[in-house]
Amino acid sequence: MRKTLTLLSLATALCGCGGPGAPKRIAPLPAGTDVTALADCTVPAGFTVEDIDWDSRQLALVLFNEDLYDAAEIHGMKAGDTLVYNGDTIIVSETDETDGYLTVNGGIEEGGAYLQAHEGGTYRGTMFDDHSVYSPIGKTTVPLADGWVIIDCRENPGEPSDTLREGQQAYLEALAEYRRQFSPLDTRVRIRNGKVTHIERHWIP
């Protein structure tokens, strides 16, 4: 009898330590950008016009990573698993997938999540208007390269973007207050040889 109880206790302990049926924690894939070693990359970024030091020609910015998930993990997700989404942890109770769109726990409106099938065997976390979810990976300061360029959308989607190869300071400081904030939803910063060469903001709804 004692031997039987010991075996049952061992089996219970093994299950509690992550056996085959144990709940899983599903988190976004690691960022592919190292904030401490920026060389050649194009990254989602957030900053304001005030974050540019014109005297020292440097930009202080927060780098972000688009939240992508391994498709195999998403396909295997079940009730009781934990999904890391938009900085929160969600205990999965139900999922529903239609045409590559996966709704978790009724979607954002119900405290859940939206995921969409993406390229390269991944799913991406999405918000309203189909915008991706982005997570901050760190803040850093990057020098501005000689001849750096701003490509900035206008307020209406049908209008061509403004491309500035000079006069960037005057342009940015003349922007309306609500356009002085650059968001990872619409802004990409291109870095080459450790310096900012392009800042591009595209129109989003």
N, C-alpha and C. Protein backbone atom coordinates (compact mmCIF):
# COMPACT_ATOMS: atom_id res chain seq x y z
N MET A 1 0.83 -1.20 0.00
CA MET A 1 0.00 0.00 0.00
C MET A 1 0.87 1.26 0.00
N ARG A 2 1.93 1.23 0.82
CA ARG A 2 2.82 2.37 0.89
C ARG A 2 3.49 2.59 -0.46
N LYS A 3 3.86 1.48 -1.15
CA LYS A 3 4.49 1.59 -2.45
C LYS A 3 3.56 2.23 -3.47
N THR A 4 2.27 1.85 -3.43
CA THR A 4 1.28 2.41 -4.35
C THR A 4 1.13 3.90 -4.14
N LEU A 5 1.04 4.34 -2.88
CA LEU A 5 0.89 5.75 -2.57
C LEU A 5 2.12 6.55 -3.03
N THR A 6 3.29 5.95 -2.88
CA THR A 6 4.51 6.62 -3.31
C THR A 6 4.52 6.84 -4.82
N LEU A 7 4.09 5.83 -5.59
CA LEU A 7 4.04 5.95 -7.03
C LEU A 7 3.02 7.00 -7.46
N LEU A 8 1.86 7.03 -6.78
CA LEU A 8 0.86 8.04 -7.10
C LEU A 8 1.37 9.44 -6.81
N SER A 9 2.09 9.59 -5.72
CA SER A 9 2.64 10.89 -5.37
C SER A 9 3.66 11.35 -6.40
N LEU A 10 4.49 10.40 -6.86
CA LEU A 10 5.49 10.73 -7.87
C LEU A 10 4.83 11.15 -9.18
N ALA A 11 3.78 10.43 -9.57
CA ALA A 11 3.08 10.76 -10.81
C ALA A 11 2.45 12.14 -10.73
N THR A 12 1.87 12.46 -9.56
CA THR A 12 1.27 13.78 -9.37
C THR A 12 2.31 14.87 -9.45
N ALA A 13 3.47 14.63 -8.85
CA ALA A 13 4.54 15.62 -8.87
C ALA A 13 5.03 15.87 -10.29
N LEU A 14 5.15 14.79 -11.07
CA LEU A 14 5.61 14.94 -12.44
C LEU A 14 4.63 15.75 -13.27
N CYS A 15 3.33 15.50 -13.08
CA CYS A 15 2.31 16.26 -13.81
C CYS A 15 2.37 17.73 -13.43
N GLY A 16 2.60 18.00 -12.15
CA GLY A 16 2.65 19.38 -11.69
C GLY A 16 3.87 20.12 -12.19
N CYS A 17 4.88 19.40 -12.66
CA CYS A 17 6.10 20.03 -13.12
C CYS A 17 6.15 20.18 -14.63
N GLY A 18 5.02 20.06 -15.30
CA GLY A 18 5.00 20.32 -16.74
C GLY A 18 4.96 19.07 -17.58
N GLY A 19 4.15 18.09 -17.23
CA GLY A 19 3.99 16.88 -18.02
C GLY A 19 3.30 17.18 -19.33
N PRO A 20 3.03 16.15 -20.13
CA PRO A 20 2.45 16.35 -21.46
C PRO A 20 1.15 17.14 -21.45
N GLY A 21 0.32 16.98 -20.39
CA GLY A 21 -0.96 17.67 -20.37
C GLY A 21 -0.94 18.97 -19.61
N ALA A 22 0.23 19.41 -19.15
CA ALA A 22 0.33 20.62 -18.35
C ALA A 22 0.05 21.86 -19.21
N PRO A 23 -0.54 22.90 -18.61
CA PRO A 23 -0.76 24.15 -19.36
C PRO A 23 0.55 24.73 -19.87
N LYS A 24 0.50 25.36 -21.03
CA LYS A 24 1.68 25.96 -21.65
C LYS A 24 1.60 27.48 -21.57
N ARG A 25 2.74 28.11 -21.59
CA ARG A 25 2.84 29.57 -21.67
C ARG A 25 3.31 29.92 -23.08
N ILE A 26 2.47 30.63 -23.82
CA ILE A 26 2.76 30.97 -25.20
C ILE A 26 3.05 32.47 -25.27
N ALA A 27 4.26 32.81 -25.64
CA ALA A 27 4.71 34.20 -25.67
C ALA A 27 5.20 34.57 -27.06
N PRO A 28 5.27 35.87 -27.37
CA PRO A 28 5.81 36.28 -28.67
C PRO A 28 7.24 35.78 -28.86
N LEU A 29 7.62 35.59 -30.10
CA LEU A 29 8.98 35.18 -30.42
C LEU A 29 9.96 36.27 -30.00
N PRO A 30 11.19 35.90 -29.64
CA PRO A 30 12.17 36.90 -29.22
C PRO A 30 12.44 37.93 -30.30
N ALA A 31 12.76 39.14 -29.86
CA ALA A 31 13.09 40.21 -30.81
C ALA A 31 14.38 39.87 -31.55
N GLY A 32 14.43 40.23 -32.80
CA GLY A 32 15.64 39.98 -33.58
C GLY A 32 16.61 41.14 -33.56
N THR A 33 16.27 42.19 -32.78
CA THR A 33 17.12 43.38 -32.71
C THR A 33 17.74 43.50 -31.33
N ASP A 34 19.04 43.74 -31.28
CA ASP A 34 19.75 43.95 -30.04
C ASP A 34 19.98 45.45 -29.85
N VAL A 35 19.31 46.02 -28.86
CA VAL A 35 19.39 47.46 -28.64
C VAL A 35 20.82 47.91 -28.36
N THR A 36 21.61 47.04 -27.77
CA THR A 36 22.98 47.41 -27.40
C THR A 36 23.97 47.27 -28.56
N ALA A 37 23.52 46.74 -29.68
CA ALA A 37 24.44 46.52 -30.80
C ALA A 37 23.73 46.78 -32.12
N LEU A 38 23.30 48.01 -32.32
CA LEU A 38 22.59 48.36 -33.54
C LEU A 38 23.59 48.65 -34.65
N ALA A 39 23.44 47.96 -35.75
CA ALA A 39 24.34 48.17 -36.88
C ALA A 39 23.53 48.43 -38.14
N ASP A 40 22.92 47.40 -38.70
CA ASP A 40 22.11 47.52 -39.90
C ASP A 40 20.75 46.88 -39.65
N CYS A 41 19.73 47.70 -39.57
CA CYS A 41 18.39 47.18 -39.31
C CYS A 41 17.36 48.26 -39.63
N THR A 42 16.12 47.83 -39.79
CA THR A 42 14.99 48.74 -39.91
C THR A 42 13.98 48.31 -38.85
N VAL A 43 13.63 49.22 -37.95
CA VAL A 43 12.85 48.83 -36.78
C VAL A 43 11.67 49.76 -36.55
N PRO A 44 10.55 49.22 -36.01
CA PRO A 44 9.48 50.08 -35.52
C PRO A 44 10.01 50.89 -34.34
N ALA A 45 9.65 52.16 -34.27
CA ALA A 45 10.20 53.02 -33.23
C ALA A 45 9.18 54.05 -32.78
N GLY A 46 9.39 54.54 -31.55
CA GLY A 46 8.55 55.60 -31.01
C GLY A 46 9.43 56.71 -30.45
N PHE A 47 9.07 57.94 -30.76
CA PHE A 47 9.80 59.10 -30.25
C PHE A 47 8.97 60.35 -30.54
N THR A 48 9.42 61.49 -30.02
CA THR A 48 8.79 62.77 -30.33
C THR A 48 9.83 63.68 -30.96
N VAL A 49 9.37 64.76 -31.51
CA VAL A 49 10.30 65.73 -32.11
C VAL A 49 11.29 66.22 -31.07
N GLU A 50 10.83 66.33 -29.82
CA GLU A 50 11.70 66.81 -28.75
C GLU A 50 12.81 65.81 -28.41
N ASP A 51 12.72 64.59 -28.89
CA ASP A 51 13.76 63.59 -28.63
C ASP A 51 14.96 63.72 -29.57
N ILE A 52 14.90 64.67 -30.49
CA ILE A 52 16.02 64.89 -31.39
C ILE A 52 16.90 66.01 -30.83
N ASP A 53 18.17 65.72 -30.61
CA ASP A 53 19.14 66.71 -30.17
C ASP A 53 19.85 67.23 -31.41
N TRP A 54 19.45 68.41 -31.84
CA TRP A 54 19.97 68.94 -33.09
C TRP A 54 21.44 69.35 -32.98
N ASP A 55 21.86 69.75 -31.79
CA ASP A 55 23.25 70.17 -31.61
C ASP A 55 24.21 68.99 -31.72
N SER A 56 23.86 67.89 -31.05
CA SER A 56 24.74 66.71 -31.10
C SER A 56 24.35 65.74 -32.20
N ARG A 57 23.26 66.06 -32.92
CA ARG A 57 22.80 65.24 -34.05
C ARG A 57 22.55 63.80 -33.60
N GLN A 58 21.66 63.68 -32.62
CA GLN A 58 21.31 62.36 -32.10
C GLN A 58 19.80 62.25 -31.89
N LEU A 59 19.30 61.04 -31.99
CA LEU A 59 17.89 60.75 -31.78
C LEU A 59 17.75 59.74 -30.66
N ALA A 60 16.99 60.10 -29.63
CA ALA A 60 16.66 59.17 -28.55
C ALA A 60 15.32 58.53 -28.89
N LEU A 61 15.27 57.23 -28.96
CA LEU A 61 14.05 56.55 -29.38
C LEU A 61 13.87 55.24 -28.63
N VAL A 62 12.63 54.79 -28.59
CA VAL A 62 12.30 53.48 -28.05
C VAL A 62 12.09 52.54 -29.22
N LEU A 63 12.80 51.43 -29.22
CA LEU A 63 12.64 50.43 -30.27
C LEU A 63 11.58 49.42 -29.87
N PHE A 64 10.84 48.94 -30.85
CA PHE A 64 9.75 48.00 -30.59
C PHE A 64 9.93 46.75 -31.46
N ASN A 65 9.25 45.69 -31.05
CA ASN A 65 9.24 44.45 -31.80
C ASN A 65 7.79 44.08 -32.11
N GLU A 66 7.51 43.73 -33.36
CA GLU A 66 6.18 43.26 -33.71
C GLU A 66 5.95 41.90 -33.06
N ASP A 67 4.83 41.74 -32.35
CA ASP A 67 4.58 40.50 -31.62
C ASP A 67 4.13 39.40 -32.57
N LEU A 68 5.06 38.47 -32.84
CA LEU A 68 4.79 37.31 -33.68
C LEU A 68 4.88 36.05 -32.83
N TYR A 69 4.05 35.07 -33.16
CA TYR A 69 3.99 33.82 -32.41
C TYR A 69 4.26 32.65 -33.34
N ASP A 70 4.88 31.62 -32.79
CA ASP A 70 5.13 30.40 -33.55
C ASP A 70 3.79 29.74 -33.88
N ALA A 71 3.56 29.47 -35.17
CA ALA A 71 2.28 28.93 -35.61
C ALA A 71 1.98 27.57 -34.97
N ALA A 72 3.01 26.75 -34.76
CA ALA A 72 2.79 25.44 -34.15
C ALA A 72 2.27 25.59 -32.72
N GLU A 73 2.81 26.57 -32.00
CA GLU A 73 2.33 26.80 -30.63
C GLU A 73 0.88 27.30 -30.63
N ILE A 74 0.57 28.18 -31.58
CA ILE A 74 -0.80 28.70 -31.65
C ILE A 74 -1.78 27.59 -32.03
N HIS A 75 -1.40 26.73 -32.98
CA HIS A 75 -2.29 25.64 -33.38
C HIS A 75 -2.51 24.65 -32.24
N GLY A 76 -1.51 24.52 -31.37
CA GLY A 76 -1.65 23.60 -30.25
C GLY A 76 -2.22 24.23 -29.00
N MET A 77 -2.55 25.51 -29.04
CA MET A 77 -3.07 26.21 -27.87
C MET A 77 -4.43 25.64 -27.46
N LYS A 78 -4.61 25.46 -26.15
CA LYS A 78 -5.85 24.87 -25.65
C LYS A 78 -6.28 25.58 -24.37
N ALA A 79 -7.49 25.27 -23.94
CA ALA A 79 -8.01 25.85 -22.71
C ALA A 79 -7.07 25.54 -21.54
N GLY A 80 -6.81 26.57 -20.75
CA GLY A 80 -5.91 26.42 -19.61
C GLY A 80 -4.51 26.94 -19.89
N ASP A 81 -4.14 27.07 -21.17
CA ASP A 81 -2.84 27.64 -21.51
C ASP A 81 -2.84 29.15 -21.23
N THR A 82 -1.66 29.72 -21.14
CA THR A 82 -1.50 31.16 -20.92
C THR A 82 -0.93 31.80 -22.18
N LEU A 83 -1.59 32.86 -22.65
CA LEU A 83 -1.13 33.61 -23.82
C LEU A 83 -0.64 34.98 -23.36
N VAL A 84 0.60 35.31 -23.70
CA VAL A 84 1.13 36.64 -23.43
C VAL A 84 0.76 37.53 -24.61
N TYR A 85 -0.03 38.57 -24.33
CA TYR A 85 -0.59 39.38 -25.42
C TYR A 85 -0.68 40.83 -24.98
N ASN A 86 -0.07 41.71 -25.75
CA ASN A 86 -0.13 43.14 -25.49
C ASN A 86 0.30 43.48 -24.05
N GLY A 87 1.31 42.78 -23.57
CA GLY A 87 1.85 43.05 -22.25
C GLY A 87 1.10 42.40 -21.10
N ASP A 88 0.01 41.70 -21.39
CA ASP A 88 -0.79 41.04 -20.36
C ASP A 88 -0.73 39.52 -20.55
N THR A 89 -1.14 38.81 -19.53
CA THR A 89 -1.25 37.35 -19.63
C THR A 89 -2.72 36.98 -19.61
N ILE A 90 -3.10 36.16 -20.55
CA ILE A 90 -4.50 35.74 -20.70
C ILE A 90 -4.59 34.23 -20.50
N ILE A 91 -5.47 33.80 -19.61
CA ILE A 91 -5.73 32.37 -19.46
C ILE A 91 -6.74 31.98 -20.53
N VAL A 92 -6.34 31.11 -21.41
CA VAL A 92 -7.18 30.74 -22.55
C VAL A 92 -8.35 29.88 -22.10
N SER A 93 -9.54 30.29 -22.48
CA SER A 93 -10.72 29.48 -22.19
C SER A 93 -11.37 28.95 -23.47
N GLU A 94 -11.28 29.74 -24.55
CA GLU A 94 -11.85 29.29 -25.82
C GLU A 94 -11.16 30.00 -26.98
N THR A 95 -11.13 29.33 -28.11
CA THR A 95 -10.58 29.92 -29.33
C THR A 95 -11.50 29.64 -30.50
N ASP A 96 -11.46 30.53 -31.47
CA ASP A 96 -12.26 30.33 -32.68
C ASP A 96 -11.47 30.89 -33.86
N GLU A 97 -11.24 30.07 -34.88
CA GLU A 97 -10.46 30.53 -36.03
C GLU A 97 -11.30 30.45 -37.30
N THR A 98 -11.27 31.54 -38.06
CA THR A 98 -11.98 31.61 -39.33
C THR A 98 -11.11 32.34 -40.34
N ASP A 99 -10.82 31.69 -41.45
CA ASP A 99 -10.06 32.31 -42.55
C ASP A 99 -8.75 32.93 -42.06
N GLY A 100 -8.04 32.23 -41.20
CA GLY A 100 -6.74 32.71 -40.75
C GLY A 100 -6.78 33.70 -39.62
N TYR A 101 -7.97 34.06 -39.14
CA TYR A 101 -8.11 34.97 -38.01
C TYR A 101 -8.52 34.17 -36.78
N LEU A 102 -7.74 34.27 -35.72
CA LEU A 102 -7.99 33.52 -34.50
C LEU A 102 -8.45 34.46 -33.40
N THR A 103 -9.61 34.17 -32.83
CA THR A 103 -10.15 34.94 -31.72
C THR A 103 -9.97 34.14 -30.44
N VAL A 104 -9.37 34.74 -29.43
CA VAL A 104 -9.14 34.10 -28.14
C VAL A 104 -10.04 34.75 -27.10
N ASN A 105 -10.82 33.95 -26.40
CA ASN A 105 -11.70 34.42 -25.32
C ASN A 105 -12.61 35.56 -25.76
N GLY A 106 -13.14 35.45 -26.97
CA GLY A 106 -14.11 36.45 -27.43
C GLY A 106 -13.52 37.71 -28.01
N GLY A 107 -12.19 37.81 -28.06
CA GLY A 107 -11.56 38.98 -28.65
C GLY A 107 -11.26 40.08 -27.65
N ILE A 108 -10.71 41.18 -28.15
CA ILE A 108 -10.25 42.28 -27.30
C ILE A 108 -11.40 42.83 -26.46
N GLU A 109 -12.58 42.94 -27.05
CA GLU A 109 -13.71 43.53 -26.35
C GLU A 109 -14.09 42.75 -25.10
N GLU A 110 -13.78 41.46 -25.08
CA GLU A 110 -14.12 40.61 -23.95
C GLU A 110 -12.91 40.30 -23.07
N GLY A 111 -11.83 41.05 -23.26
CA GLY A 111 -10.62 40.80 -22.49
C GLY A 111 -9.73 39.73 -23.08
N GLY A 112 -10.00 39.36 -24.35
CA GLY A 112 -9.22 38.33 -25.01
C GLY A 112 -8.22 38.90 -25.99
N ALA A 113 -8.04 38.22 -27.10
CA ALA A 113 -7.00 38.60 -28.05
C ALA A 113 -7.42 38.26 -29.47
N TYR A 114 -6.76 38.94 -30.41
CA TYR A 114 -6.91 38.63 -31.83
C TYR A 114 -5.54 38.26 -32.39
N LEU A 115 -5.48 37.19 -33.16
CA LEU A 115 -4.27 36.76 -33.83
C LEU A 115 -4.59 36.50 -35.29
N GLN A 116 -3.61 36.73 -36.16
CA GLN A 116 -3.82 36.53 -37.59
C GLN A 116 -2.66 35.73 -38.16
N ALA A 117 -2.98 34.76 -39.02
CA ALA A 117 -1.93 33.99 -39.70
C ALA A 117 -1.03 34.94 -40.47
N HIS A 118 0.28 34.70 -40.35
CA HIS A 118 1.27 35.60 -40.93
C HIS A 118 2.30 34.79 -41.70
N GLU A 119 3.24 35.44 -42.31
CA GLU A 119 4.25 34.77 -43.11
C GLU A 119 5.27 34.05 -42.23
N GLY A 120 6.00 33.13 -42.84
CA GLY A 120 7.10 32.47 -42.16
C GLY A 120 6.70 31.56 -41.01
N GLY A 121 5.51 30.97 -41.09
CA GLY A 121 5.09 30.06 -40.04
C GLY A 121 4.80 30.74 -38.72
N THR A 122 4.22 31.92 -38.79
CA THR A 122 3.92 32.67 -37.57
C THR A 122 2.48 33.19 -37.58
N TYR A 123 2.04 33.62 -36.41
CA TYR A 123 0.83 34.42 -36.25
C TYR A 123 1.26 35.76 -35.67
N ARG A 124 0.54 36.81 -35.99
CA ARG A 124 0.85 38.10 -35.39
C ARG A 124 -0.30 38.56 -34.50
N GLY A 125 0.05 39.16 -33.38
CA GLY A 125 -0.97 39.75 -32.53
C GLY A 125 -1.52 41.00 -33.19
N THR A 126 -2.84 41.17 -33.19
CA THR A 126 -3.45 42.33 -33.82
C THR A 126 -4.39 43.04 -32.87
N MET A 127 -4.60 44.30 -33.15
CA MET A 127 -5.53 45.14 -32.40
C MET A 127 -6.64 45.58 -33.34
N PHE A 128 -7.33 46.65 -32.98
CA PHE A 128 -8.36 47.20 -33.84
C PHE A 128 -7.73 47.74 -35.13
N ASP A 129 -8.52 47.81 -36.19
CA ASP A 129 -8.07 48.28 -37.50
C ASP A 129 -6.94 47.42 -38.05
N ASP A 130 -6.81 46.19 -37.53
CA ASP A 130 -5.82 45.23 -38.03
C ASP A 130 -4.38 45.66 -37.75
N HIS A 131 -4.17 46.61 -36.84
CA HIS A 131 -2.82 47.02 -36.48
C HIS A 131 -2.15 45.91 -35.68
N SER A 132 -0.85 45.73 -35.90
CA SER A 132 -0.10 44.75 -35.13
C SER A 132 0.09 45.23 -33.70
N VAL A 133 0.31 44.28 -32.80
CA VAL A 133 0.70 44.60 -31.43
C VAL A 133 2.23 44.69 -31.39
N TYR A 134 2.74 45.73 -30.74
CA TYR A 134 4.17 45.92 -30.62
C TYR A 134 4.57 45.98 -29.16
N SER A 135 5.73 45.39 -28.85
CA SER A 135 6.26 45.42 -27.49
C SER A 135 7.58 46.17 -27.48
N PRO A 136 7.79 47.06 -26.48
CA PRO A 136 9.06 47.78 -26.42
C PRO A 136 10.20 46.84 -26.07
N ILE A 137 11.34 47.03 -26.72
CA ILE A 137 12.50 46.18 -26.43
C ILE A 137 13.64 46.99 -25.83
N GLY A 138 13.50 48.30 -25.77
CA GLY A 138 14.53 49.10 -25.13
C GLY A 138 14.64 50.49 -25.71
N LYS A 139 15.22 51.39 -24.92
CA LYS A 139 15.44 52.77 -25.35
C LYS A 139 16.92 52.98 -25.59
N THR A 140 17.25 53.75 -26.62
CA THR A 140 18.64 54.01 -26.93
C THR A 140 18.75 55.35 -27.65
N THR A 141 19.97 55.80 -27.82
CA THR A 141 20.25 57.03 -28.55
C THR A 141 21.15 56.69 -29.74
N VAL A 142 20.75 57.14 -30.93
CA VAL A 142 21.46 56.78 -32.15
C VAL A 142 21.86 58.06 -32.89
N PRO A 143 23.09 58.15 -33.37
CA PRO A 143 23.50 59.33 -34.15
C PRO A 143 22.74 59.42 -35.47
N LEU A 144 22.57 60.64 -35.93
CA LEU A 144 21.97 60.87 -37.25
C LEU A 144 23.08 60.87 -38.29
N ALA A 145 22.90 60.10 -39.34
CA ALA A 145 23.91 60.03 -40.40
C ALA A 145 23.91 61.31 -41.22
N ASP A 146 25.02 61.59 -41.85
CA ASP A 146 25.05 62.69 -42.81
C ASP A 146 24.08 62.35 -43.95
N GLY A 147 23.28 63.33 -44.33
CA GLY A 147 22.33 63.11 -45.42
C GLY A 147 21.12 62.27 -45.04
N TRP A 148 20.81 62.19 -43.74
CA TRP A 148 19.65 61.40 -43.34
C TRP A 148 18.37 62.00 -43.90
N VAL A 149 17.37 61.15 -44.09
CA VAL A 149 16.17 61.52 -44.83
C VAL A 149 14.91 61.26 -43.99
N ILE A 150 13.95 62.17 -44.10
CA ILE A 150 12.61 61.96 -43.54
C ILE A 150 11.64 61.75 -44.69
N ILE A 151 10.87 60.68 -44.62
CA ILE A 151 9.77 60.44 -45.55
C ILE A 151 8.50 60.40 -44.71
N ASP A 152 7.69 61.43 -44.82
CA ASP A 152 6.56 61.60 -43.91
C ASP A 152 5.24 61.65 -44.67
N CYS A 153 4.30 60.83 -44.26
CA CYS A 153 2.98 60.84 -44.89
C CYS A 153 2.26 62.14 -44.60
N ARG A 154 1.29 62.43 -45.41
CA ARG A 154 0.42 63.57 -45.13
C ARG A 154 -0.82 63.08 -44.40
N GLU A 155 -1.74 63.97 -44.15
CA GLU A 155 -2.89 63.62 -43.31
C GLU A 155 -3.92 62.78 -44.04
N ASN A 156 -3.92 62.81 -45.36
CA ASN A 156 -4.88 62.03 -46.14
C ASN A 156 -4.16 60.93 -46.91
N PRO A 157 -4.76 59.74 -46.98
CA PRO A 157 -4.07 58.59 -47.58
C PRO A 157 -3.74 58.76 -49.05
N GLY A 158 -4.49 59.56 -49.78
CA GLY A 158 -4.26 59.71 -51.21
C GLY A 158 -3.17 60.70 -51.56
N GLU A 159 -2.67 61.44 -50.58
CA GLU A 159 -1.66 62.45 -50.85
C GLU A 159 -0.26 61.85 -50.82
N PRO A 160 0.65 62.33 -51.65
CA PRO A 160 2.02 61.79 -51.65
C PRO A 160 2.76 62.20 -50.38
N SER A 161 3.70 61.38 -49.98
CA SER A 161 4.49 61.68 -48.79
C SER A 161 5.47 62.82 -49.08
N ASP A 162 5.85 63.52 -48.01
CA ASP A 162 6.90 64.53 -48.11
C ASP A 162 8.25 63.85 -47.91
N THR A 163 9.20 64.14 -48.76
CA THR A 163 10.56 63.60 -48.63
C THR A 163 11.52 64.76 -48.40
N LEU A 164 12.20 64.74 -47.25
CA LEU A 164 13.09 65.84 -46.90
C LEU A 164 14.51 65.34 -46.75
N ARG A 165 15.40 65.90 -47.56
CA ARG A 165 16.83 65.59 -47.47
C ARG A 165 17.60 66.74 -46.83
N GLU A 166 16.89 67.84 -46.62
CA GLU A 166 17.45 68.98 -45.89
C GLU A 166 16.28 69.73 -45.27
N GLY A 167 16.59 70.60 -44.30
CA GLY A 167 15.54 71.35 -43.63
C GLY A 167 14.67 70.50 -42.72
N GLN A 168 15.21 69.38 -42.24
CA GLN A 168 14.42 68.47 -41.39
C GLN A 168 13.98 69.14 -40.08
N GLN A 169 14.86 69.91 -39.48
CA GLN A 169 14.51 70.54 -38.21
C GLN A 169 13.35 71.50 -38.37
N ALA A 170 13.42 72.36 -39.36
CA ALA A 170 12.33 73.32 -39.58
C ALA A 170 11.02 72.60 -39.87
N TYR A 171 11.10 71.54 -40.65
CA TYR A 171 9.88 70.79 -40.98
C TYR A 171 9.25 70.17 -39.73
N LEU A 172 10.06 69.47 -38.95
CA LEU A 172 9.53 68.76 -37.78
C LEU A 172 9.01 69.72 -36.73
N GLU A 173 9.71 70.81 -36.51
CA GLU A 173 9.28 71.74 -35.47
C GLU A 173 8.06 72.54 -35.88
N ALA A 174 7.72 72.54 -37.16
CA ALA A 174 6.53 73.23 -37.64
C ALA A 174 5.29 72.34 -37.65
N LEU A 175 5.46 71.04 -37.34
CA LEU A 175 4.32 70.13 -37.34
C LEU A 175 3.32 70.49 -36.24
N ALA A 176 2.04 70.22 -36.52
CA ALA A 176 1.02 70.38 -35.48
C ALA A 176 1.34 69.45 -34.31
N GLU A 177 0.90 69.83 -33.14
CA GLU A 177 1.26 69.10 -31.92
C GLU A 177 0.95 67.61 -32.02
N TYR A 178 -0.19 67.26 -32.58
CA TYR A 178 -0.59 65.85 -32.61
C TYR A 178 0.25 65.04 -33.61
N ARG A 179 1.00 65.71 -34.47
CA ARG A 179 1.86 65.00 -35.42
C ARG A 179 3.33 64.99 -35.00
N ARG A 180 3.60 65.54 -33.82
CA ARG A 180 4.98 65.56 -33.33
C ARG A 180 5.34 64.27 -32.60
N GLN A 181 4.36 63.37 -32.47
CA GLN A 181 4.58 62.07 -31.83
C GLN A 181 4.66 61.00 -32.92
N PHE A 182 5.76 60.24 -32.93
CA PHE A 182 5.95 59.16 -33.88
C PHE A 182 5.75 57.83 -33.15
N SER A 183 4.94 56.97 -33.72
CA SER A 183 4.51 55.73 -33.07
C SER A 183 5.03 54.51 -33.82
N PRO A 184 5.29 53.39 -33.10
CA PRO A 184 5.70 52.17 -33.81
C PRO A 184 4.63 51.64 -34.75
N LEU A 185 3.38 52.08 -34.60
CA LEU A 185 2.34 51.65 -35.52
C LEU A 185 2.59 52.14 -36.94
N ASP A 186 3.20 53.33 -37.05
CA ASP A 186 3.34 53.90 -38.39
C ASP A 186 4.76 54.35 -38.74
N THR A 187 5.71 54.18 -37.84
CA THR A 187 7.05 54.72 -38.04
C THR A 187 8.11 53.62 -38.11
N ARG A 188 8.97 53.71 -39.10
CA ARG A 188 10.11 52.80 -39.23
C ARG A 188 11.38 53.63 -39.31
N VAL A 189 12.38 53.23 -38.54
CA VAL A 189 13.68 53.91 -38.55
C VAL A 189 14.70 52.97 -39.15
N ARG A 190 15.40 53.43 -40.18
CA ARG A 190 16.43 52.63 -40.82
C ARG A 190 17.80 53.04 -40.27
N ILE A 191 18.54 52.06 -39.83
CA ILE A 191 19.87 52.29 -39.25
C ILE A 191 20.90 51.54 -40.08
N ARG A 192 21.94 52.26 -40.49
CA ARG A 192 23.02 51.66 -41.25
C ARG A 192 24.34 52.09 -40.62
N ASN A 193 25.20 51.10 -40.39
CA ASN A 193 26.49 51.37 -39.74
C ASN A 193 26.32 52.13 -38.43
N GLY A 194 25.25 51.79 -37.71
CA GLY A 194 25.03 52.36 -36.39
C GLY A 194 24.48 53.77 -36.38
N LYS A 195 24.03 54.27 -37.56
CA LYS A 195 23.49 55.63 -37.62
C LYS A 195 22.14 55.64 -38.33
N VAL A 196 21.28 56.58 -37.94
CA VAL A 196 19.96 56.72 -38.56
C VAL A 196 20.13 57.32 -39.95
N THR A 197 19.65 56.60 -40.97
CA THR A 197 19.71 57.12 -42.33
C THR A 197 18.34 57.55 -42.84
N HIS A 198 17.27 56.89 -42.36
CA HIS A 198 15.92 57.23 -42.80
C HIS A 198 14.95 57.12 -41.64
N ILE A 199 14.02 58.06 -41.60
CA ILE A 199 12.84 57.96 -40.74
C ILE A 199 11.63 58.04 -41.66
N GLU A 200 10.83 56.99 -41.66
CA GLU A 200 9.67 56.96 -42.56
C GLU A 200 8.39 56.73 -41.75
N ARG A 201 7.43 57.60 -41.95
CA ARG A 201 6.12 57.45 -41.32
C ARG A 201 5.07 57.27 -42.42
N HIS A 202 4.35 56.15 -42.37
CA HIS A 202 3.33 55.89 -43.38
C HIS A 202 1.94 56.12 -42.80
N TRP A 203 1.01 56.37 -43.67
CA TRP A 203 -0.35 56.69 -43.24
C TRP A 203 -1.06 55.43 -42.75
N ILE A 204 -1.75 55.55 -41.62
CA ILE A 204 -2.59 54.46 -41.11
C ILE A 204 -3.96 55.03 -40.75
N PRO A 205 -5.00 54.20 -40.77
CA PRO A 205 -6.33 54.72 -40.40
C PRO A 205 -6.41 55.01 -38.91
